[in-house]
Amino acid sequence: MPSPSALVVLLGAVALSRTSFGVLLVLGYGVGMALTLTSSGLLLSGGGTRLAHFGERRLPALRRLAPYGTLLTAPAVLTVGVGLTLRSLFPL
């Protein structure tokens, strides 16, 4: 996926007559991003149950609060969203 920062890096490298270095930087960024996204996806898909068991062992209260997870996070997300909206409407 094209990135605006990759374009800036490539244009900067061309302006400095270091095109190959710019291409190498963009390729390194792309490979790093691909590895990060792949590993986080694999961790979340396969490691979710292990992470849940680890959390239950370490935090016994988590078992009591787990059914209310969506009810506890929804107001937090709503509060952050409303706060960001108000902040954008009324700049400080």
Protein backbone atom coordinates (compact mmCIF):
# COMPACT_ATOMS: atom_id res chain seq x y z
CA MET A 1 0.00 0.00 0.00
CA PRO A 2 1.50 3.36 -0.93
CA SER A 3 2.40 5.62 1.94
CA PRO A 4 2.79 9.41 1.81
CA SER A 5 5.91 9.14 3.94
CA ALA A 6 7.41 6.67 1.45
CA LEU A 7 6.84 9.19 -1.32
CA VAL A 8 8.53 11.91 0.75
CA VAL A 9 11.51 9.62 1.40
CA LEU A 10 11.80 8.74 -2.30
CA LEU A 11 11.54 12.36 -3.43
CA GLY A 12 14.08 13.41 -0.82
CA ALA A 13 16.46 10.67 -1.94
CA VAL A 14 16.07 11.70 -5.59
CA ALA A 15 16.73 15.34 -4.66
CA LEU A 16 19.93 14.27 -2.89
CA SER A 17 20.94 12.01 -5.79
CA ARG A 18 20.71 8.96 -3.54
CA THR A 19 17.84 7.15 -5.24
CA SER A 20 19.04 3.65 -4.43
CA PHE A 21 19.32 4.52 -0.74
CA GLY A 22 15.75 5.88 -0.78
CA VAL A 23 14.45 2.73 -2.43
CA LEU A 24 16.30 0.63 0.15
CA LEU A 25 14.73 2.65 2.98
CA VAL A 26 11.23 2.26 1.54
CA LEU A 27 11.74 -1.49 1.02
CA GLY A 28 12.97 -1.86 4.59
CA TYR A 29 9.95 0.06 5.85
CA GLY A 30 7.62 -2.16 3.81
CA VAL A 31 9.21 -5.39 5.00
CA GLY A 32 9.12 -4.21 8.61
CA MET A 33 5.46 -3.23 8.34
CA ALA A 34 4.59 -6.56 6.71
CA LEU A 35 6.37 -8.52 9.44
CA THR A 36 4.71 -6.47 12.18
CA LEU A 37 1.21 -6.88 10.77
CA THR A 38 1.70 -10.59 10.07
CA SER A 39 3.07 -11.37 13.51
CA SER A 40 0.35 -9.39 15.29
CA GLY A 41 -2.31 -11.15 13.21
CA LEU A 42 -0.86 -14.56 14.02
CA LEU A 43 -0.59 -13.67 17.68
CA LEU A 44 -4.19 -12.53 17.87
CA SER A 45 -5.59 -15.45 15.90
CA GLY A 46 -3.66 -18.27 17.57
CA GLY A 47 -2.52 -16.82 20.83
CA GLY A 48 -5.81 -15.41 22.02
CA THR A 49 -6.74 -18.42 24.13
CA ARG A 50 -3.27 -18.64 25.66
CA LEU A 51 -3.40 -14.95 26.49
CA ALA A 52 -6.85 -15.39 28.06
CA HIS A 53 -5.66 -18.30 30.22
CA PHE A 54 -2.60 -16.33 31.27
CA GLY A 55 -4.78 -13.39 32.26
CA GLU A 56 -7.16 -15.58 34.25
CA ARG A 57 -4.28 -17.13 36.20
CA ARG A 58 -2.61 -13.81 36.95
CA LEU A 59 -5.76 -11.75 37.50
CA PRO A 60 -8.57 -13.76 39.09
CA ALA A 61 -10.83 -10.69 39.11
CA LEU A 62 -10.67 -10.75 35.31
CA ARG A 63 -12.95 -13.79 35.29
CA ARG A 64 -15.64 -11.82 37.15
CA LEU A 65 -15.33 -8.76 34.90
CA ALA A 66 -15.02 -10.57 31.55
CA PRO A 67 -18.78 -10.76 30.84
CA TYR A 68 -19.00 -6.98 31.32
CA GLY A 69 -16.09 -6.17 29.02
CA THR A 70 -18.18 -4.66 26.26
CA LEU A 71 -20.30 -2.73 28.72
CA LEU A 72 -17.18 -1.31 30.35
CA THR A 73 -15.32 -0.39 27.16
CA ALA A 74 -18.24 1.11 25.23
CA PRO A 75 -18.58 4.17 27.51
CA ALA A 76 -14.82 4.67 27.41
CA VAL A 77 -14.76 4.67 23.61
CA LEU A 78 -17.81 6.95 23.52
CA THR A 79 -16.22 9.37 25.98
CA VAL A 80 -13.00 9.57 23.97
CA GLY A 81 -14.96 10.09 20.74
CA VAL A 82 -17.11 12.85 22.20
CA GLY A 83 -14.03 14.47 23.74
CA LEU A 84 -12.17 14.46 20.42
CA THR A 85 -15.23 15.84 18.63
CA LEU A 86 -15.65 18.67 21.14
CA ARG A 87 -11.94 19.40 21.01
CA SER A 88 -12.07 19.74 17.24
CA LEU A 89 -15.16 21.97 17.37
CA PHE A 90 -13.81 24.26 20.08
CA PRO A 91 -10.03 24.59 19.70
CA LEU A 92 -8.17 25.53 22.86
